[in-house]
Amino acid sequence: MVEPMDPMAGIYTAVTRQPLAGGAPWQPEETLDVETVVYRYTRGSAYANFLENDLGSLTVGKAADFVVLSRDILRAAPEDIPGTVAETVVVAGEVVHQRVVEGAVT
């Protein structure tokens, strides 16, 4: 394992091919764009597990599993991706995590 099992760390390292701690990049010619990495984490993972009819995209009839992130990683600078956090996590249509922000008005 090259990096922790943190999706944002995985996305960052796939996009930059650099370790989180800094240092020389690994095979910089193997970088991927963020869209490709997100696809592989979502639809690609569902396909690899023979679950593409049930998971992997927000489609009518599939499980409503998704995460709301603290920033748009498709537009963020690569160095900002590791600091991105899950604001809300929904599994099978149920909110299972809601980030509490100190001082926020609800």
PDB file of N, CA and C in Angstrom:
ATOM      1  N   MET A   1       0.845  -1.173   0.000  1.00  0.00           N
ATOM      2  CA  MET A   1       0.000   0.000   0.000  1.00  0.00           C
ATOM      3  C   MET A   1       0.899   1.248   0.000  1.00  0.00           C
ATOM      4  N   VAL A   2       0.590   2.180  -0.870  1.00  0.00           N
ATOM      5  CA  VAL A   2       1.406   3.372  -1.018  1.00  0.00           C
ATOM      6  C   VAL A   2       0.919   4.490  -0.115  1.00  0.00           C
ATOM      7  N   GLU A   3      -0.375   4.649   0.014  1.00  0.00           N
ATOM      8  CA  GLU A   3      -0.971   5.709   0.816  1.00  0.00           C
ATOM      9  C   GLU A   3      -2.068   5.110   1.690  1.00  0.00           C
ATOM     10  N   PRO A   4      -2.539   5.859   2.705  1.00  0.00           N
ATOM     11  CA  PRO A   4      -3.619   5.344   3.566  1.00  0.00           C
ATOM     12  C   PRO A   4      -4.895   5.083   2.766  1.00  0.00           C
ATOM     13  N   MET A   5      -5.802   4.298   3.342  1.00  0.00           N
ATOM     14  CA  MET A   5      -7.073   3.982   2.677  1.00  0.00           C
ATOM     15  C   MET A   5      -8.047   5.165   2.795  1.00  0.00           C
ATOM     16  N   ASP A   6      -7.619   6.302   2.351  1.00  0.00           N
ATOM     17  CA  ASP A   6      -8.400   7.535   2.348  1.00  0.00           C
ATOM     18  C   ASP A   6      -8.641   7.889   0.890  1.00  0.00           C
ATOM     19  N   PRO A   7      -9.900   7.936   0.448  1.00  0.00           N
ATOM     20  CA  PRO A   7     -10.154   8.222  -0.967  1.00  0.00           C
ATOM     21  C   PRO A   7      -9.518   9.521  -1.456  1.00  0.00           C
ATOM     22  N   MET A   8      -9.502  10.558  -0.617  1.00  0.00           N
ATOM     23  CA  MET A   8      -8.922  11.827  -1.064  1.00  0.00           C
ATOM     24  C   MET A   8      -7.407  11.685  -1.251  1.00  0.00           C
ATOM     25  N   ALA A   9      -6.756  10.915  -0.392  1.00  0.00           N
ATOM     26  CA  ALA A   9      -5.324  10.656  -0.563  1.00  0.00           C
ATOM     27  C   ALA A   9      -5.097   9.849  -1.835  1.00  0.00           C
ATOM     28  N   GLY A  10      -5.951   8.872  -2.082  1.00  0.00           N
ATOM     29  CA  GLY A  10      -5.834   8.061  -3.291  1.00  0.00           C
ATOM     30  C   GLY A  10      -6.033   8.875  -4.552  1.00  0.00           C
ATOM     31  N   ILE A  11      -7.016   9.758  -4.526  1.00  0.00           N
ATOM     32  CA  ILE A  11      -7.264  10.621  -5.694  1.00  0.00           C
ATOM     33  C   ILE A  11      -6.078  11.544  -5.919  1.00  0.00           C
ATOM     34  N   TYR A  12      -5.598  12.158  -4.839  1.00  0.00           N
ATOM     35  CA  TYR A  12      -4.445  13.059  -4.951  1.00  0.00           C
ATOM     36  C   TYR A  12      -3.235  12.349  -5.555  1.00  0.00           C
ATOM     37  N   THR A  13      -2.916  11.165  -5.031  1.00  0.00           N
ATOM     38  CA  THR A  13      -1.727  10.473  -5.520  1.00  0.00           C
ATOM     39  C   THR A  13      -1.892   9.980  -6.957  1.00  0.00           C
ATOM     40  N   ALA A  14      -3.117   9.637  -7.349  1.00  0.00           N
ATOM     41  CA  ALA A  14      -3.344   9.217  -8.736  1.00  0.00           C
ATOM     42  C   ALA A  14      -3.215  10.401  -9.696  1.00  0.00           C
ATOM     43  N   VAL A  15      -3.633  11.568  -9.245  1.00  0.00           N
ATOM     44  CA  VAL A  15      -3.588  12.768 -10.088  1.00  0.00           C
ATOM     45  C   VAL A  15      -2.175  13.338 -10.163  1.00  0.00           C
ATOM     46  N   THR A  16      -1.460  13.341  -9.043  1.00  0.00           N
ATOM     47  CA  THR A  16      -0.134  13.964  -9.015  1.00  0.00           C
ATOM     48  C   THR A  16       1.008  12.970  -9.100  1.00  0.00           C
ATOM     49  N   ARG A  17       0.741  11.701  -8.719  1.00  0.00           N
ATOM     50  CA  ARG A  17       1.761  10.656  -8.626  1.00  0.00           C
ATOM     51  C   ARG A  17       2.854  11.071  -7.643  1.00  0.00           C
ATOM     52  N   GLN A  18       2.461  11.829  -6.600  1.00  0.00           N
ATOM     53  CA  GLN A  18       3.383  12.241  -5.556  1.00  0.00           C
ATOM     54  C   GLN A  18       2.886  11.747  -4.211  1.00  0.00           C
ATOM     55  N   PRO A  19       3.786  11.389  -3.288  1.00  0.00           N
ATOM     56  CA  PRO A  19       3.360  10.998  -1.955  1.00  0.00           C
ATOM     57  C   PRO A  19       2.799  12.197  -1.198  1.00  0.00           C
ATOM     58  N   LEU A  20       1.877  11.946  -0.277  1.00  0.00           N
ATOM     59  CA  LEU A  20       1.293  13.027   0.518  1.00  0.00           C
ATOM     60  C   LEU A  20       2.349  13.806   1.283  1.00  0.00           C
ATOM     61  N   ALA A  21       3.372  13.114   1.740  1.00  0.00           N
ATOM     62  CA  ALA A  21       4.424  13.755   2.534  1.00  0.00           C
ATOM     63  C   ALA A  21       5.392  14.563   1.675  1.00  0.00           C
ATOM     64  N   GLY A  22       5.185  14.574   0.369  1.00  0.00           N
ATOM     65  CA  GLY A  22       6.086  15.289  -0.525  1.00  0.00           C
ATOM     66  C   GLY A  22       7.181  14.369  -1.029  1.00  0.00           C
ATOM     67  N   GLY A  23       8.003  14.911  -1.860  1.00  0.00           N
ATOM     68  CA  GLY A  23       9.095  14.118  -2.407  1.00  0.00           C
ATOM     69  C   GLY A  23       8.955  13.945  -3.902  1.00  0.00           C
ATOM     70  N   ALA A  24       9.827  13.144  -4.435  1.00  0.00           N
ATOM     71  CA  ALA A  24       9.869  12.920  -5.882  1.00  0.00           C
ATOM     72  C   ALA A  24       8.628  12.159  -6.338  1.00  0.00           C
ATOM     73  N   PRO A  25       8.089  12.533  -7.478  1.00  0.00           N
ATOM     74  CA  PRO A  25       6.916  11.820  -8.000  1.00  0.00           C
ATOM     75  C   PRO A  25       7.284  10.414  -8.470  1.00  0.00           C
ATOM     76  N   TRP A  26       6.273   9.513  -8.412  1.00  0.00           N
ATOM     77  CA  TRP A  26       6.438   8.161  -8.943  1.00  0.00           C
ATOM     78  C   TRP A  26       5.933   8.173 -10.374  1.00  0.00           C
ATOM     79  N   GLN A  27       6.682   7.720 -11.311  1.00  0.00           N
ATOM     80  CA  GLN A  27       6.289   7.634 -12.714  1.00  0.00           C
ATOM     81  C   GLN A  27       5.301   8.752 -13.101  1.00  0.00           C
ATOM     82  N   PRO A  28       5.774   9.990 -13.196  1.00  0.00           N
ATOM     83  CA  PRO A  28       4.877  11.116 -13.501  1.00  0.00           C
ATOM     84  C   PRO A  28       4.112  10.952 -14.814  1.00  0.00           C
ATOM     85  N   GLU A  29       4.610  10.114 -15.704  1.00  0.00           N
ATOM     86  CA  GLU A  29       3.889   9.884 -16.968  1.00  0.00           C
ATOM     87  C   GLU A  29       2.614   9.079 -16.757  1.00  0.00           C
ATOM     88  N   GLU A  30       2.393   8.561 -15.547  1.00  0.00           N
ATOM     89  CA  GLU A  30       1.204   7.767 -15.253  1.00  0.00           C
ATOM     90  C   GLU A  30       0.108   8.546 -14.525  1.00  0.00           C
ATOM     91  N   THR A  31       0.196   9.874 -14.509  1.00  0.00           N
ATOM     92  CA  THR A  31      -0.851  10.654 -13.844  1.00  0.00           C
ATOM     93  C   THR A  31      -2.179  10.477 -14.574  1.00  0.00           C
ATOM     94  N   LEU A  32      -3.257  10.649 -13.820  1.00  0.00           N
ATOM     95  CA  LEU A  32      -4.609  10.572 -14.363  1.00  0.00           C
ATOM     96  C   LEU A  32      -5.333  11.875 -14.057  1.00  0.00           C
ATOM     97  N   ASP A  33      -6.355  12.202 -14.826  1.00  0.00           N
ATOM     98  CA  ASP A  33      -7.162  13.373 -14.497  1.00  0.00           C
ATOM     99  C   ASP A  33      -8.174  12.985 -13.417  1.00  0.00           C
ATOM    100  N   VAL A  34      -8.662  13.975 -12.680  1.00  0.00           N
ATOM    101  CA  VAL A  34      -9.565  13.733 -11.552  1.00  0.00           C
ATOM    102  C   VAL A  34     -10.821  12.990 -12.001  1.00  0.00           C
ATOM    103  N   GLU A  35     -11.378  13.346 -13.153  1.00  0.00           N
ATOM    104  CA  GLU A  35     -12.594  12.689 -13.631  1.00  0.00           C
ATOM    105  C   GLU A  35     -12.387  11.182 -13.791  1.00  0.00           C
ATOM    106  N   THR A  36     -11.258  10.793 -14.336  1.00  0.00           N
ATOM    107  CA  THR A  36     -10.954   9.369 -14.519  1.00  0.00           C
ATOM    108  C   THR A  36     -10.835   8.667 -13.176  1.00  0.00           C
ATOM    109  N   VAL A  37     -10.174   9.296 -12.216  1.00  0.00           N
ATOM    110  CA  VAL A  37     -10.000   8.674 -10.905  1.00  0.00           C
ATOM    111  C   VAL A  37     -11.346   8.528 -10.198  1.00  0.00           C
ATOM    112  N   VAL A  38     -12.181   9.555 -10.242  1.00  0.00           N
ATOM    113  CA  VAL A  38     -13.510   9.471  -9.610  1.00  0.00           C
ATOM    114  C   VAL A  38     -14.326   8.367 -10.279  1.00  0.00           C
ATOM    115  N   TYR A  39     -14.262   8.277 -11.588  1.00  0.00           N
ATOM    116  CA  TYR A  39     -14.954   7.200 -12.302  1.00  0.00           C
ATOM    117  C   TYR A  39     -14.489   5.839 -11.801  1.00  0.00           C
ATOM    118  N   ARG A  40     -13.194   5.675 -11.652  1.00  0.00           N
ATOM    119  CA  ARG A  40     -12.662   4.380 -11.214  1.00  0.00           C
ATOM    120  C   ARG A  40     -13.045   4.056  -9.774  1.00  0.00           C
ATOM    121  N   TYR A  41     -13.164   5.063  -8.938  1.00  0.00           N
ATOM    122  CA  TYR A  41     -13.601   4.846  -7.552  1.00  0.00           C
ATOM    123  C   TYR A  41     -15.095   4.503  -7.480  1.00  0.00           C
ATOM    124  N   THR A  42     -15.873   4.949  -8.442  1.00  0.00           N
ATOM    125  CA  THR A  42     -17.324   4.780  -8.375  1.00  0.00           C
ATOM    126  C   THR A  42     -17.802   3.712  -9.353  1.00  0.00           C
ATOM    127  N   ARG A  43     -18.021   4.084 -10.577  1.00  0.00           N
ATOM    128  CA  ARG A  43     -18.544   3.139 -11.573  1.00  0.00           C
ATOM    129  C   ARG A  43     -17.579   1.999 -11.856  1.00  0.00           C
ATOM    130  N   GLY A  44     -16.291   2.310 -11.891  1.00  0.00           N
ATOM    131  CA  GLY A  44     -15.299   1.273 -12.133  1.00  0.00           C
ATOM    132  C   GLY A  44     -15.270   0.231 -11.028  1.00  0.00           C
ATOM    133  N   SER A  45     -15.371   0.678  -9.784  1.00  0.00           N
ATOM    134  CA  SER A  45     -15.391  -0.262  -8.652  1.00  0.00           C
ATOM    135  C   SER A  45     -16.643  -1.121  -8.675  1.00  0.00           C
ATOM    136  N   ALA A  46     -17.781  -0.514  -8.993  1.00  0.00           N
ATOM    137  CA  ALA A  46     -19.024  -1.293  -9.079  1.00  0.00           C
ATOM    138  C   ALA A  46     -18.898  -2.357 -10.173  1.00  0.00           C
ATOM    139  N   TYR A  47     -18.362  -1.968 -11.322  1.00  0.00           N
ATOM    140  CA  TYR A  47     -18.189  -2.910 -12.434  1.00  0.00           C
ATOM    141  C   TYR A  47     -17.244  -4.050 -12.040  1.00  0.00           C
ATOM    142  N   ALA A  48     -16.138  -3.713 -11.390  1.00  0.00           N
ATOM    143  CA  ALA A  48     -15.153  -4.727 -11.001  1.00  0.00           C
ATOM    144  C   ALA A  48     -15.734  -5.741 -10.021  1.00  0.00           C
ATOM    145  N   ASN A  49     -16.758  -5.326  -9.286  1.00  0.00           N
ATOM    146  CA  ASN A  49     -17.402  -6.211  -8.306  1.00  0.00           C
ATOM    147  C   ASN A  49     -18.721  -6.793  -8.831  1.00  0.00           C
ATOM    148  N   PHE A  50     -18.962  -6.670 -10.127  1.00  0.00           N
ATOM    149  CA  PHE A  50     -20.185  -7.180 -10.763  1.00  0.00           C
ATOM    150  C   PHE A  50     -21.441  -6.570 -10.147  1.00  0.00           C
ATOM    151  N   LEU A  51     -21.354  -5.291  -9.726  1.00  0.00           N
ATOM    152  CA  LEU A  51     -22.478  -4.600  -9.089  1.00  0.00           C
ATOM    153  C   LEU A  51     -22.919  -3.364  -9.870  1.00  0.00           C
ATOM    154  N   GLU A  52     -22.517  -3.288 -11.139  1.00  0.00           N
ATOM    155  CA  GLU A  52     -22.821  -2.089 -11.921  1.00  0.00           C
ATOM    156  C   GLU A  52     -24.319  -1.856 -12.119  1.00  0.00           C
ATOM    157  N   ASN A  53     -25.142  -2.882 -11.927  1.00  0.00           N
ATOM    158  CA  ASN A  53     -26.601  -2.693 -12.034  1.00  0.00           C
ATOM    159  C   ASN A  53     -27.208  -2.161 -10.740  1.00  0.00           C
ATOM    160  N   ASP A  54     -26.431  -2.174  -9.658  1.00  0.00           N
ATOM    161  CA  ASP A  54     -26.939  -1.761  -8.350  1.00  0.00           C
ATOM    162  C   ASP A  54     -26.230  -0.549  -7.763  1.00  0.00           C
ATOM    163  N   LEU A  55     -24.980  -0.348  -8.125  1.00  0.00           N
ATOM    164  CA  LEU A  55     -24.144   0.692  -7.517  1.00  0.00           C
ATOM    165  C   LEU A  55     -23.329   1.420  -8.573  1.00  0.00           C
ATOM    166  N   GLY A  56     -22.650   2.478  -8.145  1.00  0.00           N
ATOM    167  CA  GLY A  56     -21.652   3.122  -8.993  1.00  0.00           C
ATOM    168  C   GLY A  56     -22.071   4.413  -9.651  1.00  0.00           C
ATOM    169  N   SER A  57     -23.367   4.688  -9.715  1.00  0.00           N
ATOM    170  CA  SER A  57     -23.830   5.945 -10.300  1.00  0.00           C
ATOM    171  C   SER A  57     -25.179   6.299  -9.693  1.00  0.00           C
ATOM    172  N   LEU A  58     -25.522   7.567  -9.753  1.00  0.00           N
ATOM    173  CA  LEU A  58     -26.832   8.000  -9.275  1.00  0.00           C
ATOM    174  C   LEU A  58     -27.826   7.823 -10.412  1.00  0.00           C
ATOM    175  N   THR A  59     -28.460   6.671 -10.412  1.00  0.00           N
ATOM    176  CA  THR A  59     -29.374   6.277 -11.465  1.00  0.00           C
ATOM    177  C   THR A  59     -30.619   5.694 -10.825  1.00  0.00           C
ATOM    178  N   VAL A  60     -31.780   5.975 -11.389  1.00  0.00           N
ATOM    179  CA  VAL A  60     -33.029   5.418 -10.882  1.00  0.00           C
ATOM    180  C   VAL A  60     -32.902   3.899 -10.786  1.00  0.00           C
ATOM    181  N   GLY A  61     -33.269   3.347  -9.630  1.00  0.00           N
ATOM    182  CA  GLY A  61     -33.225   1.917  -9.414  1.00  0.00           C
ATOM    183  C   GLY A  61     -31.963   1.428  -8.722  1.00  0.00           C
ATOM    184  N   LYS A  62     -30.939   2.282  -8.644  1.00  0.00           N
ATOM    185  CA  LYS A  62     -29.709   1.899  -7.948  1.00  0.00           C
ATOM    186  C   LYS A  62     -29.753   2.426  -6.515  1.00  0.00           C
ATOM    187  N   ALA A  63     -28.909   1.835  -5.659  1.00  0.00           N
ATOM    188  CA  ALA A  63     -28.814   2.296  -4.279  1.00  0.00           C
ATOM    189  C   ALA A  63     -28.368   3.756  -4.267  1.00  0.00           C
ATOM    190  N   ALA A  64     -29.004   4.546  -3.424  1.00  0.00           N
ATOM    191  CA  ALA A  64     -28.639   5.962  -3.322  1.00  0.00           C
ATOM    192  C   ALA A  64     -27.471   6.104  -2.350  1.00  0.00           C
ATOM    193  N   ASP A  65     -26.290   5.719  -2.805  1.00  0.00           N
ATOM    194  CA  ASP A  65     -25.063   5.850  -2.024  1.00  0.00           C
ATOM    195  C   ASP A  65     -24.267   7.000  -2.624  1.00  0.00           C
ATOM    196  N   PHE A  66     -24.019   8.028  -1.819  1.00  0.00           N
ATOM    197  CA  PHE A  66     -23.216   9.145  -2.312  1.00  0.00           C
ATOM    198  C   PHE A  66     -22.663   9.949  -1.150  1.00  0.00           C
ATOM    199  N   VAL A  67     -21.719  10.818  -1.478  1.00  0.00           N
ATOM    200  CA  VAL A  67     -21.085  11.679  -0.481  1.00  0.00           C
ATOM    201  C   VAL A  67     -21.120  13.112  -1.003  1.00  0.00           C
ATOM    202  N   VAL A  68     -21.341  14.050  -0.093  1.00  0.00           N
ATOM    203  CA  VAL A  68     -21.247  15.474  -0.405  1.00  0.00           C
ATOM    204  C   VAL A  68     -19.919  15.943   0.179  1.00  0.00           C
ATOM    205  N   LEU A  69     -19.048  16.450  -0.683  1.00  0.00           N
ATOM    206  CA  LEU A  69     -17.708  16.858  -0.261  1.00  0.00           C
ATOM    207  C   LEU A  69     -17.656  18.339   0.093  1.00  0.00           C
ATOM    208  N   SER A  70     -16.621  18.705   0.832  1.00  0.00           N
ATOM    209  CA  SER A  70     -16.444  20.098   1.262  1.00  0.00           C
ATOM    210  C   SER A  70     -15.973  21.014   0.138  1.00  0.00           C
ATOM    211  N   ARG A  71     -15.543  20.443  -0.970  1.00  0.00           N
ATOM    212  CA  ARG A  71     -15.165  21.252  -2.140  1.00  0.00           C
ATOM    213  C   ARG A  71     -15.368  20.418  -3.398  1.00  0.00           C
ATOM    214  N   ASP A  72     -15.418  21.090  -4.519  1.00  0.00           N
ATOM    215  CA  ASP A  72     -15.558  20.429  -5.813  1.00  0.00           C
ATOM    216  C   ASP A  72     -14.175  19.964  -6.256  1.00  0.00           C
ATOM    217  N   ILE A  73     -13.883  18.686  -6.066  1.00  0.00           N
ATOM    218  CA  ILE A  73     -12.548  18.192  -6.399  1.00  0.00           C
ATOM    219  C   ILE A  73     -12.293  18.152  -7.900  1.00  0.00           C
ATOM    220  N   LEU A  74     -13.339  18.251  -8.704  1.00  0.00           N
ATOM    221  CA  LEU A  74     -13.139  18.295 -10.153  1.00  0.00           C
ATOM    222  C   LEU A  74     -12.544  19.627 -10.592  1.00  0.00           C
ATOM    223  N   ARG A  75     -12.720  20.656  -9.759  1.00  0.00           N
ATOM    224  CA  ARG A  75     -12.203  21.984 -10.097  1.00  0.00           C
ATOM    225  C   ARG A  75     -11.100  22.447  -9.144  1.00  0.00           C
ATOM    226  N   ALA A  76     -10.873  21.719  -8.062  1.00  0.00           N
ATOM    227  CA  ALA A  76      -9.890  22.113  -7.053  1.00  0.00           C
ATOM    228  C   ALA A  76      -8.472  21.904  -7.560  1.00  0.00           C
ATOM    229  N   ALA A  77      -7.569  22.683  -7.003  1.00  0.00           N
ATOM    230  CA  ALA A  77      -6.148  22.455  -7.273  1.00  0.00           C
ATOM    231  C   ALA A  77      -5.773  21.104  -6.662  1.00  0.00           C
ATOM    232  N   PRO A  78      -4.941  20.326  -7.326  1.00  0.00           N
ATOM    233  CA  PRO A  78      -4.586  19.006  -6.802  1.00  0.00           C
ATOM    234  C   PRO A  78      -4.108  19.026  -5.350  1.00  0.00           C
ATOM    235  N   GLU A  79      -3.347  20.059  -4.976  1.00  0.00           N
ATOM    236  CA  GLU A  79      -2.839  20.113  -3.604  1.00  0.00           C
ATOM    237  C   GLU A  79      -3.935  20.335  -2.560  1.00  0.00           C
ATOM    238  N   ASP A  80      -5.132  20.743  -2.993  1.00  0.00           N
ATOM    239  CA  ASP A  80      -6.252  20.941  -2.071  1.00  0.00           C
ATOM    240  C   ASP A  80      -7.090  19.673  -1.883  1.00  0.00           C
ATOM    241  N   ILE A  81      -6.910  18.685  -2.726  1.00  0.00           N
ATOM    242  CA  ILE A  81      -7.728  17.473  -2.659  1.00  0.00           C
ATOM    243  C   ILE A  81      -7.580  16.730  -1.331  1.00  0.00           C
ATOM    244  N   PRO A  82      -6.364  16.531  -0.791  1.00  0.00           N
ATOM    245  CA  PRO A  82      -6.261  15.777   0.466  1.00  0.00           C
ATOM    246  C   PRO A  82      -7.001  16.416   1.640  1.00  0.00           C
ATOM    247  N   GLY A  83      -7.192  17.715   1.632  1.00  0.00           N
ATOM    248  CA  GLY A  83      -7.910  18.404   2.713  1.00  0.00           C
ATOM    249  C   GLY A  83      -9.413  18.385   2.559  1.00  0.00           C
ATOM    250  N   THR A  84      -9.914  17.767   1.524  1.00  0.00           N
ATOM    251  CA  THR A  84     -11.349  17.681   1.278  1.00  0.00           C
ATOM    252  C   THR A  84     -11.959  16.659   2.236  1.00  0.00           C
ATOM    253  N   VAL A  85     -13.090  17.010   2.825  1.00  0.00           N
ATOM    254  CA  VAL A  85     -13.739  16.110   3.785  1.00  0.00           C
ATOM    255  C   VAL A  85     -15.181  15.836   3.369  1.00  0.00           C
ATOM    256  N   ALA A  86     -15.710  14.758   3.891  1.00  0.00           N
ATOM    257  CA  ALA A  86     -17.103  14.393   3.646  1.00  0.00           C
ATOM    258  C   ALA A  86     -17.997  15.222   4.548  1.00  0.00           C
ATOM    259  N   GLU A  87     -18.849  16.033   3.956  1.00  0.00           N
ATOM    260  CA  GLU A  87     -19.818  16.814   4.724  1.00  0.00           C
ATOM    261  C   GLU A  87     -21.018  15.942   5.082  1.00  0.00           C
ATOM    262  N   THR A  88     -21.470  15.158   4.120  1.00  0.00           N
ATOM    263  CA  THR A  88     -22.620  14.275   4.307  1.00  0.00           C
ATOM    264  C   THR A  88     -22.352  12.970   3.577  1.00  0.00           C
ATOM    265  N   VAL A  89     -22.729  11.860   4.197  1.00  0.00           N
ATOM    266  CA  VAL A  89     -22.617  10.549   3.563  1.00  0.00           C
ATOM    267  C   VAL A  89     -23.999   9.909   3.601  1.00  0.00           C
ATOM    268  N   VAL A  90     -24.464   9.460   2.435  1.00  0.00           N
ATOM    269  CA  VAL A  90     -25.762   8.809   2.304  1.00  0.00           C
ATOM    270  C   VAL A  90     -25.533   7.394   1.791  1.00  0.00           C
ATOM    271  N   VAL A  91     -26.097   6.412   2.495  1.00  0.00           N
ATOM    272  CA  VAL A  91     -25.992   5.007   2.104  1.00  0.00           C
ATOM    273  C   VAL A  91     -27.408   4.454   2.020  1.00  0.00           C
ATOM    274  N   ALA A  92     -27.753   3.896   0.861  1.00  0.00           N
ATOM    275  CA  ALA A  92     -29.091   3.346   0.613  1.00  0.00           C
ATOM    276  C   ALA A  92     -30.175   4.373   0.932  1.00  0.00           C
ATOM    277  N   GLY A  93     -29.897   5.629   0.605  1.00  0.00           N
ATOM    278  CA  GLY A  93     -30.879   6.683   0.789  1.00  0.00           C
ATOM    279  C   GLY A  93     -30.983   7.237   2.198  1.00  0.00           C
ATOM    280  N   GLU A  94     -30.181   6.737   3.130  1.00  0.00           N
ATOM    281  CA  GLU A  94     -30.205   7.179   4.523  1.00  0.00           C
ATOM    282  C   GLU A  94     -28.935   7.966   4.838  1.00  0.00           C
ATOM    283  N   VAL A  95     -29.095   9.119   5.493  1.00  0.00           N
ATOM    284  CA  VAL A  95     -27.926   9.888   5.919  1.00  0.00           C
ATOM    285  C   VAL A  95     -27.267   9.133   7.071  1.00  0.00           C
ATOM    286  N   VAL A  96     -26.014   8.733   6.868  1.00  0.00           N
ATOM    287  CA  VAL A  96     -25.292   7.990   7.906  1.00  0.00           C
ATOM    288  C   VAL A  96     -24.181   8.832   8.540  1.00  0.00           C
ATOM    289  N   HIS A  97     -23.892   9.976   7.945  1.00  0.00           N
ATOM    290  CA  HIS A  97     -22.896  10.880   8.520  1.00  0.00           C
ATOM    291  C   HIS A  97     -23.239  12.292   8.107  1.00  0.00           C
ATOM    292  N   GLN A  98     -23.188  13.197   9.074  1.00  0.00           N
ATOM    293  CA  GLN A  98     -23.364  14.622   8.800  1.00  0.00           C
ATOM    294  C   GLN A  98     -22.277  15.334   9.588  1.00  0.00           C
ATOM    295  N   ARG A  99     -21.400  16.017   8.897  1.00  0.00           N
ATOM    296  CA  ARG A  99     -20.300  16.719   9.570  1.00  0.00           C
ATOM    297  C   ARG A  99     -20.856  17.878  10.385  1.00  0.00           C
ATOM    298  N   VAL A 100     -20.416  17.962  11.614  1.00  0.00           N
ATOM    299  CA  VAL A 100     -20.826  19.042  12.497  1.00  0.00           C
ATOM    300  C   VAL A 100     -19.730  20.090  12.477  1.00  0.00           C
ATOM    301  N   VAL A 101     -20.121  21.313  12.136  1.00  0.00           N
ATOM    302  CA  VAL A 101     -19.180  22.408  12.091  1.00  0.00           C
ATOM    303  C   VAL A 101     -19.417  23.277  13.314  1.00  0.00           C
ATOM    304  N   GLU A 102     -18.388  23.437  14.115  1.00  0.00           N
ATOM    305  CA  GLU A 102     -18.504  24.213  15.337  1.00  0.00           C
ATOM    306  C   GLU A 102     -18.898  25.653  15.004  1.00  0.00           C
ATOM    307  N   GLY A 103     -19.909  26.152  15.699  1.00  0.00           N
ATOM    308  CA  GLY A 103     -20.373  27.517  15.487  1.00  0.00           C
ATOM    309  C   GLY A 103     -21.363  27.677  14.355  1.00  0.00           C
ATOM    310  N   ALA A 104     -21.679  26.572  13.658  1.00  0.00           N
ATOM    311  CA  ALA A 104     -22.630  26.659  12.543  1.00  0.00           C
ATOM    312  C   ALA A 104     -24.050  26.783  13.072  1.00  0.00           C
ATOM    313  N   VAL A 105     -24.846  27.550  12.389  1.00  0.00           N
ATOM    314  CA  VAL A 105     -26.252  27.715  12.749  1.00  0.00           C
ATOM    315  C   VAL A 105     -27.053  26.673  11.980  1.00  0.00           C
ATOM    316  N   THR A 106     -27.858  25.871  12.693  1.00  0.00           N
ATOM    317  CA  THR A 106     -28.666  24.859  12.024  1.00  0.00           C
ATOM    318  C   THR A 106     -30.131  25.183  12.089  1.00  0.00           C
TER     319      THR A 106
END
